[in-house]
C-alpha cells in the first residue's frame, strides 16, 4: 500500500473513483492539467478519496500479490501500507475521515488509524471469500462488508466484533443510510433479471426490480437512498425509484458491458464505467449524456465521486488511475 496526501491547495474534494489500473491521471483545479501517477505493478482494483482529498488505490493479482498506495497529488510521491496478502478490492474511509478500512482477496478486513499515520488498529477475520465491498454507517460506528462468500457482516467499529451476519446473498451494493442492500435475486421463483432490495437488519426483501439486463454486474444507491442504479451486459444503466420500483431513466450509449456505477454527492449525476474503456456522465434531470471521458486503453472497472463532486477518478486494466476535473469539463 502506498500513500499520497495532497497539500491544501490540491485538495481533491469530490471526484469519481474508478480502479483497475496502475497509474493515475489528475486534472487539477489550479492548472487543469492531467496528472499521471505511476507505480502499481498490477491492475488497480479500487480507488477512494479521503475526506481531506488524499487519493488511495488498491491493486494486486488475486491471491498472489497486494498493493495499496496513498498518493500525494502535489509531489507525486507515494507511501505503501503493508498488511494484505492478496489484491485489495475495497477501500473506504469513515465519515469523519479518521479511519480507513481495506479488504480483498486475503478475506481479511484491516482498519487503519489515519490520525496516527495509518497505523493498524485491528484485523477483522471471518469472511470465507474475497471481500468486494464495504460501507460505514452514517455515524461511523458500524462497518458493513460483503463479498464472494455471499455473506454480509456488520462490525462494531469500537470493539471489532461482529454484530450481525446475513448469508446467501450476491451483494451488488450497500446502502447503510437507507438500511438496505441490492443483490441478485437467485431464488428459484425469481425472474432471471430480478434485482432484489433487502433489509440490512433482516435480509428480508423490501422491493423487487425487474431490470432491463441480461445479467446485472453492478449497482449503486443515490446518496439519499431513494434511487438505485444498475448496469451490466445490456450496455445500459437503469435508474429506479425505490419507493415505487418505477424505472426513472435508462441511459444507453456504451459500446460494451457496464462494470461500475456511481452517483455524484448531490445525486444529480450518474457516472458509469465500461468494458469499452470509457466513463460516461449522465444527467438525471434530463435523462441525457453530459460527457464521455476518453483516455483509458483498457476496461474501466471502478468509479467513485470525491466529496465535493468537482472531480472524477477512474482506474483501468491499462494500469492507470485518472482523476478528471469536472469543473473544467462543464
Protein backbone atom coordinates (compact mmCIF):
# COMPACT_ATOMS: atom_id res chain seq x y z
CA UNK A 1 0.00 0.00 0.00
CA UNK A 2 1.26 3.48 -0.84
CA UNK A 3 0.08 6.90 0.20
CA UNK A 4 -0.23 10.29 -1.43
CA UNK A 5 -1.65 13.14 0.65
CA UNK A 6 -2.17 16.43 -1.17
CA UNK A 7 -1.40 19.85 0.27
CA UNK A 8 -4.43 22.10 0.89
CA UNK A 9 -4.06 23.83 -2.47
CA UNK A 10 -4.55 20.48 -4.18
CA UNK A 11 -7.35 19.06 -2.05
CA UNK A 12 -9.42 16.82 -4.29
CA UNK A 13 -12.76 17.44 -2.72
CA UNK A 14 -15.11 15.46 -4.89
CA UNK A 15 -14.30 13.14 -7.69
CA UNK A 16 -15.41 9.94 -9.26
CA UNK A 17 -13.31 6.94 -8.50
CA UNK A 18 -12.58 4.08 -10.75
CA UNK A 19 -9.97 1.44 -10.20
CA UNK A 20 -8.27 -1.26 -12.18
CA UNK A 21 -5.03 0.23 -13.32
CA UNK A 22 -1.51 1.07 -12.34
CA UNK A 23 -1.30 4.84 -12.63
CA UNK A 24 -3.42 7.90 -12.06
CA UNK A 25 -4.30 10.98 -14.06
CA UNK A 26 -5.42 14.22 -12.41
CA UNK A 27 -6.78 17.42 -13.84
CA UNK A 28 -6.02 19.88 -11.08
CA UNK A 29 -8.27 22.82 -10.20
CA UNK A 30 -5.28 25.13 -10.38
CA UNK A 31 -3.81 24.31 -13.80
CA UNK A 32 -6.39 21.96 -15.31
CA UNK A 33 -3.57 19.68 -16.48
CA UNK A 34 -3.57 15.92 -16.50
CA UNK A 35 -1.51 14.23 -13.83
CA UNK A 36 -0.27 10.67 -14.20
CA UNK A 37 0.72 8.73 -11.11
CA UNK A 38 2.79 5.63 -11.84
CA UNK A 39 3.91 2.89 -9.51
CA UNK A 40 1.47 -0.03 -9.37
CA UNK A 41 2.77 -3.29 -10.75
CA UNK A 42 -0.68 -4.88 -11.02
CA UNK A 43 -4.12 -3.83 -12.18
CA UNK A 44 -5.89 -1.43 -9.83
CA UNK A 45 -8.99 -2.90 -8.21
CA UNK A 46 -10.29 0.01 -6.17
CA UNK A 47 -9.73 3.73 -5.62
CA UNK A 48 -11.03 6.12 -2.98
CA UNK A 49 -10.83 9.72 -1.87
CA UNK A 50 -10.32 10.52 1.77
CA UNK A 51 -12.34 13.47 3.11
CA UNK A 52 -9.14 15.54 3.04
CA UNK A 53 -8.55 14.77 -0.65
CA UNK A 54 -5.96 12.01 -0.32
CA UNK A 55 -6.17 9.50 -3.16
CA UNK A 56 -5.86 5.83 -2.27
CA UNK A 57 -5.60 2.97 -4.74
CA UNK A 58 -5.64 -0.78 -4.20
CA UNK A 59 -4.22 -3.36 -6.57
CA UNK A 60 -2.85 -6.88 -6.80
CA UNK A 61 -3.11 -10.21 -8.54
CA UNK A 62 -5.88 -12.03 -6.70
CA UNK A 63 -4.31 -14.27 -4.02
CA UNK A 64 -0.74 -13.78 -5.27
CA UNK A 65 0.10 -10.15 -4.58
CA UNK A 66 -1.14 -6.98 -2.91
CA UNK A 67 -0.59 -3.23 -3.22
CA UNK A 68 -2.25 -0.25 -1.60
CA UNK A 69 -0.95 3.23 -2.32
CA UNK A 70 -1.60 6.69 -0.96
CA UNK A 71 -0.83 9.43 -3.47
CA UNK A 72 0.35 12.97 -2.84
CA UNK A 73 -1.00 14.77 -5.88
CA UNK A 74 1.33 17.72 -5.39
CA UNK A 75 4.59 15.81 -5.20
CA UNK A 76 3.52 12.58 -6.93
CA UNK A 77 5.19 10.71 -4.09
CA UNK A 78 3.66 7.60 -2.57
CA UNK A 79 3.62 5.62 0.62
CA UNK A 80 2.66 1.99 0.85
CA UNK A 81 0.62 0.28 3.56
CA UNK A 82 1.73 -3.27 4.24
CA UNK A 83 -0.53 -5.96 5.60
CA UNK A 84 -2.71 -7.65 2.98
CA UNK A 85 -1.51 -10.79 1.19
CA UNK A 86 -3.95 -10.65 -1.75
CA UNK A 87 -5.22 -7.98 -4.09
CA UNK A 88 -7.07 -5.12 -2.36
CA UNK A 89 -10.63 -4.97 -3.71
CA UNK A 90 -12.32 -2.46 -1.38
CA UNK A 91 -11.22 0.78 0.28
CA UNK A 92 -13.47 3.03 2.36
CA UNK A 93 -12.94 5.89 4.80
CA UNK A 94 -15.09 6.52 7.87
CA UNK A 95 -17.41 9.55 7.57
CA UNK A 96 -15.13 11.69 9.76
CA UNK A 97 -12.02 10.60 7.87
CA UNK A 98 -10.20 9.31 10.94
CA UNK A 99 -10.32 5.64 9.97
CA UNK A 100 -9.61 3.64 6.84
CA UNK A 101 -10.87 0.14 6.07
CA UNK A 102 -9.25 -2.05 3.40
CA UNK A 103 -10.12 -5.58 2.30
CA UNK A 104 -9.66 -8.01 -0.54
CA UNK A 105 -8.67 -11.49 -1.65
CA UNK A 106 -7.00 -12.48 1.61
CA UNK A 107 -10.51 -12.45 3.15
CA UNK A 108 -9.38 -10.03 5.84
CA UNK A 109 -10.52 -6.52 6.72
CA UNK A 110 -7.90 -4.17 8.11
CA UNK A 111 -8.71 -0.98 9.98
CA UNK A 112 -6.14 1.85 9.99
CA UNK A 113 -5.94 4.96 12.18
CA UNK A 114 -5.47 7.91 9.82
CA UNK A 115 -4.55 10.30 12.65
CA UNK A 116 -1.60 8.10 13.63
CA UNK A 117 -0.14 7.89 10.15
CA UNK A 118 -2.26 4.92 9.06
CA UNK A 119 -1.31 2.72 11.96
CA UNK A 120 -3.09 -0.63 12.07
CA UNK A 121 -5.98 -0.66 14.55
CA UNK A 122 -7.13 -4.25 14.14
CA UNK A 123 -7.86 -7.04 11.68
CA UNK A 124 -11.37 -8.39 11.22
CA UNK A 125 -11.45 -12.05 10.13
CA UNK A 126 -14.42 -14.23 9.29
CA UNK A 127 -15.18 -13.95 5.59
CA UNK A 128 -14.79 -17.12 3.55
CA UNK A 129 -14.05 -15.47 0.21
CA UNK A 130 -12.71 -12.24 -1.25
CA UNK A 131 -14.24 -9.12 0.33
CA UNK A 132 -15.51 -6.99 -2.55
CA UNK A 133 -17.28 -4.06 -0.90
CA UNK A 134 -17.58 -2.19 2.37
CA UNK A 135 -19.52 0.77 3.73
CA UNK A 136 -19.63 2.68 7.01
CA UNK A 137 -22.88 3.64 8.68
CA UNK A 138 -23.55 7.41 8.65
CA UNK A 139 -22.45 7.70 12.30
CA UNK A 140 -19.28 5.72 11.61
CA UNK A 141 -19.95 3.19 14.36
CA UNK A 142 -20.70 0.25 12.10
CA UNK A 143 -18.79 -1.19 9.15
CA UNK A 144 -20.64 -3.43 6.68
CA UNK A 145 -18.75 -5.86 4.46
CA UNK A 146 -19.75 -8.30 1.71
CA UNK A 147 -18.00 -10.48 -0.82
CA UNK A 148 -17.63 -13.65 -2.81
CA UNK A 149 -18.78 -15.85 0.07
CA UNK A 150 -22.32 -14.41 -0.24
CA UNK A 151 -22.08 -13.27 3.39
CA UNK A 152 -22.83 -9.80 4.77
CA UNK A 153 -21.22 -8.84 8.07
CA UNK A 154 -21.90 -5.84 10.28
CA UNK A 155 -18.99 -4.94 12.56
CA UNK A 156 -18.87 -2.83 15.70
CA UNK A 157 -16.04 -0.45 14.87
CA UNK A 158 -15.25 0.35 18.51
CA UNK A 159 -14.82 -3.28 19.58
CA UNK A 160 -14.01 -5.00 16.29
CA UNK A 161 -16.71 -7.57 16.99
CA UNK A 162 -19.20 -8.98 14.53
CA UNK A 163 -22.69 -7.70 15.34
CA UNK A 164 -24.74 -9.21 12.53
CA UNK A 165 -24.34 -11.85 9.85
CA UNK A 166 -26.55 -12.49 6.83
CA UNK A 167 -25.88 -15.40 4.47
CA UNK A 168 -26.86 -16.36 0.94
CA UNK A 169 -26.79 -13.02 -0.92
CA UNK A 170 -24.94 -11.95 -4.08
CA UNK A 171 -24.50 -8.35 -2.98
CA UNK A 172 -24.06 -5.65 -5.63
CA UNK A 173 -24.33 -2.50 -3.48
CA UNK A 174 -24.64 -1.45 0.16
CA UNK A 175 -26.72 1.48 1.42
CA UNK A 176 -26.38 1.92 5.20
CA UNK A 177 -28.15 5.29 5.09
CA UNK A 178 -31.34 3.61 3.91
CA UNK A 179 -30.64 0.38 5.80
CA UNK A 180 -30.69 -1.79 2.71
CA UNK A 181 -28.59 -3.53 0.08
CA UNK A 182 -29.03 -4.60 -3.54
CA UNK A 183 -28.44 -8.17 -4.61
CA UNK A 184 -29.15 -10.51 -7.48
CA UNK A 185 -32.31 -12.43 -6.68
CA UNK A 186 -31.27 -16.06 -7.15
CA UNK A 187 -34.30 -17.72 -5.54
CA UNK A 188 -35.97 -20.48 -7.60
CA UNK A 189 -39.12 -18.38 -8.07
CA UNK A 190 -37.33 -15.15 -9.01
CA UNK A 191 -37.30 -13.76 -12.52
CA UNK A 192 -33.95 -14.20 -14.22
CA UNK A 193 -33.32 -10.44 -14.34
CA UNK A 194 -34.62 -9.50 -10.89
CA UNK A 195 -32.66 -7.16 -8.63
CA UNK A 196 -33.67 -7.53 -5.00
CA UNK A 197 -33.52 -4.68 -2.45
CA UNK A 198 -33.28 -6.13 1.05
CA UNK A 199 -33.04 -5.01 4.66
CA UNK A 200 -29.58 -4.87 6.22
CA UNK A 201 -31.09 -5.90 9.53
CA UNK A 202 -33.06 -8.97 8.48
CA UNK A 203 -32.23 -9.73 4.86
CA UNK A 204 -35.94 -9.62 4.07
CA UNK A 205 -36.96 -8.15 0.68
CA UNK A 206 -38.05 -4.52 0.55
CA UNK A 207 -38.52 -4.20 -3.20
CA UNK A 208 -38.03 -6.26 -6.33
CA UNK A 209 -36.87 -4.60 -9.55
CA UNK A 210 -37.21 -6.15 -12.98
CA UNK A 211 -34.06 -4.78 -14.59
CA UNK A 212 -33.55 -4.34 -18.31
CA UNK A 213 -30.49 -6.53 -18.49
CA UNK A 214 -29.27 -9.96 -19.46
CA UNK A 215 -27.07 -10.02 -16.36
CA UNK A 216 -26.64 -7.27 -13.78
CA UNK A 217 -22.98 -6.75 -12.93
CA UNK A 218 -23.04 -3.63 -10.77
CA UNK A 219 -25.33 -1.36 -8.80
CA UNK A 220 -25.20 1.85 -6.76
CA UNK A 221 -27.52 3.82 -4.48
CA UNK A 222 -28.03 7.57 -4.60
CA UNK A 223 -26.69 9.49 -1.58
CA UNK A 224 -30.19 9.88 -0.10
CA UNK A 225 -31.01 6.20 -0.64
CA UNK A 226 -34.08 6.97 -2.76
CA UNK A 227 -32.70 5.78 -6.10
CA UNK A 228 -30.78 2.71 -7.21
CA UNK A 229 -28.94 2.28 -10.49
CA UNK A 230 -27.98 -0.99 -12.14
CA UNK A 231 -25.95 -1.95 -15.18
CA UNK A 232 -24.45 -4.95 -16.88
CA UNK A 233 -24.44 -6.93 -20.07
CA UNK A 234 -27.07 -4.86 -21.92
CA UNK A 235 -24.62 -1.90 -22.15
CA UNK A 236 -27.10 0.43 -20.41
CA UNK A 237 -27.72 1.95 -16.97
CA UNK A 238 -31.18 1.69 -15.39
CA UNK A 239 -32.16 4.05 -12.56
CA UNK A 240 -35.12 3.13 -10.34
CA UNK A 241 -37.10 4.90 -7.63
CA UNK A 242 -37.11 2.58 -4.62
CA UNK A 243 -40.42 3.83 -3.19
CA UNK A 244 -42.36 2.88 -6.32
CA UNK A 245 -39.97 0.44 -8.07
CA UNK A 246 -40.52 2.63 -11.14
CA UNK A 247 -37.90 2.98 -13.83
CA UNK A 248 -36.89 6.65 -13.85
CA UNK A 249 -34.17 6.67 -16.50
CA UNK A 250 -32.44 4.31 -18.87
CA UNK A 251 -29.09 5.56 -20.13
CA UNK A 252 -27.59 3.99 -23.22
CA UNK A 253 -24.51 4.79 -25.26
CA UNK A 254 -21.72 2.50 -24.09
CA UNK A 255 -20.32 0.03 -26.59
CA UNK A 256 -19.76 -2.81 -24.14
CA UNK A 257 -20.96 -4.01 -20.73
CA UNK A 258 -21.07 -1.80 -17.64
CA UNK A 259 -18.60 -2.60 -14.86
CA UNK A 260 -19.20 0.14 -12.27
CA UNK A 261 -21.71 2.89 -11.42
CA UNK A 262 -21.58 5.86 -9.04
CA UNK A 263 -23.81 8.79 -8.07
CA UNK A 264 -22.43 12.29 -7.56
CA UNK A 265 -22.65 13.61 -3.97
CA UNK A 266 -25.59 15.87 -4.87
CA UNK A 267 -27.41 12.98 -6.52
CA UNK A 268 -27.85 14.84 -9.82
CA UNK A 269 -25.31 12.94 -11.92
CA UNK A 270 -24.67 9.27 -12.58
CA UNK A 271 -21.29 8.02 -13.77
CA UNK A 272 -20.82 4.68 -15.48
CA UNK A 273 -17.62 2.80 -16.30
CA UNK A 274 -17.44 0.23 -19.03
CA UNK A 275 -15.53 -2.54 -20.72
CA UNK A 276 -15.45 -0.14 -23.70
CA UNK A 277 -12.67 1.83 -21.91
CA UNK A 278 -14.77 4.94 -21.28
CA UNK A 279 -16.55 6.67 -18.41
CA UNK A 280 -19.84 8.42 -19.16
CA UNK A 281 -21.60 11.11 -17.13
CA UNK A 282 -25.41 11.25 -17.20
CA UNK A 283 -27.83 13.99 -16.14
CA UNK A 284 -30.66 12.55 -14.05
CA UNK A 285 -32.91 15.57 -14.60
CA UNK A 286 -32.77 15.48 -18.40
CA UNK A 287 -32.01 11.81 -18.91
CA UNK A 288 -29.20 12.74 -21.28
CA UNK A 289 -25.47 12.16 -21.51
CA UNK A 290 -23.31 15.01 -20.24
CA UNK A 291 -19.93 13.87 -21.45
CA UNK A 292 -17.86 10.82 -22.37
CA UNK A 293 -14.44 10.69 -20.73
CA UNK A 294 -11.90 9.12 -23.08
CA UNK A 295 -8.32 8.24 -22.18
CA UNK A 296 -8.12 4.72 -20.81
CA UNK A 297 -6.78 2.00 -23.07
CA UNK A 298 -8.29 -0.85 -21.05
CA UNK A 299 -11.61 -1.63 -19.33
CA UNK A 300 -12.58 0.83 -16.59
CA UNK A 301 -13.52 -1.12 -13.51
CA UNK A 302 -14.24 1.11 -10.53
CA UNK A 303 -15.54 4.67 -10.12
CA UNK A 304 -16.45 6.99 -7.24
CA UNK A 305 -17.10 10.69 -6.67
CA UNK A 306 -14.99 12.81 -4.35
CA UNK A 307 -16.86 14.65 -1.56
CA UNK A 308 -17.46 17.96 -3.40
CA UNK A 309 -18.36 16.42 -6.76
CA UNK A 310 -15.84 18.52 -8.67
CA UNK A 311 -13.62 15.67 -9.77
CA UNK A 312 -13.92 12.18 -11.07
CA UNK A 313 -11.39 9.41 -10.65
CA UNK A 314 -11.25 6.34 -12.84
CA UNK A 315 -8.97 3.30 -12.92
CA UNK A 316 -8.40 0.62 -15.51
CA UNK A 317 -6.68 -2.56 -16.55
CA UNK A 318 -4.42 -0.31 -18.58
CA UNK A 319 -2.52 0.27 -15.31
CA UNK A 320 -3.72 3.84 -14.86
CA UNK A 321 -5.90 5.82 -12.48
CA UNK A 322 -7.28 9.02 -13.99
CA UNK A 323 -8.65 11.93 -11.99
CA UNK A 324 -10.89 14.16 -14.08
CA UNK A 325 -11.65 17.80 -13.26
CA UNK A 326 -15.41 18.05 -13.76
CA UNK A 327 -15.38 21.84 -13.41
CA UNK A 328 -13.14 22.05 -16.46
CA UNK A 329 -15.49 19.70 -18.34
CA UNK A 330 -18.56 21.72 -17.51
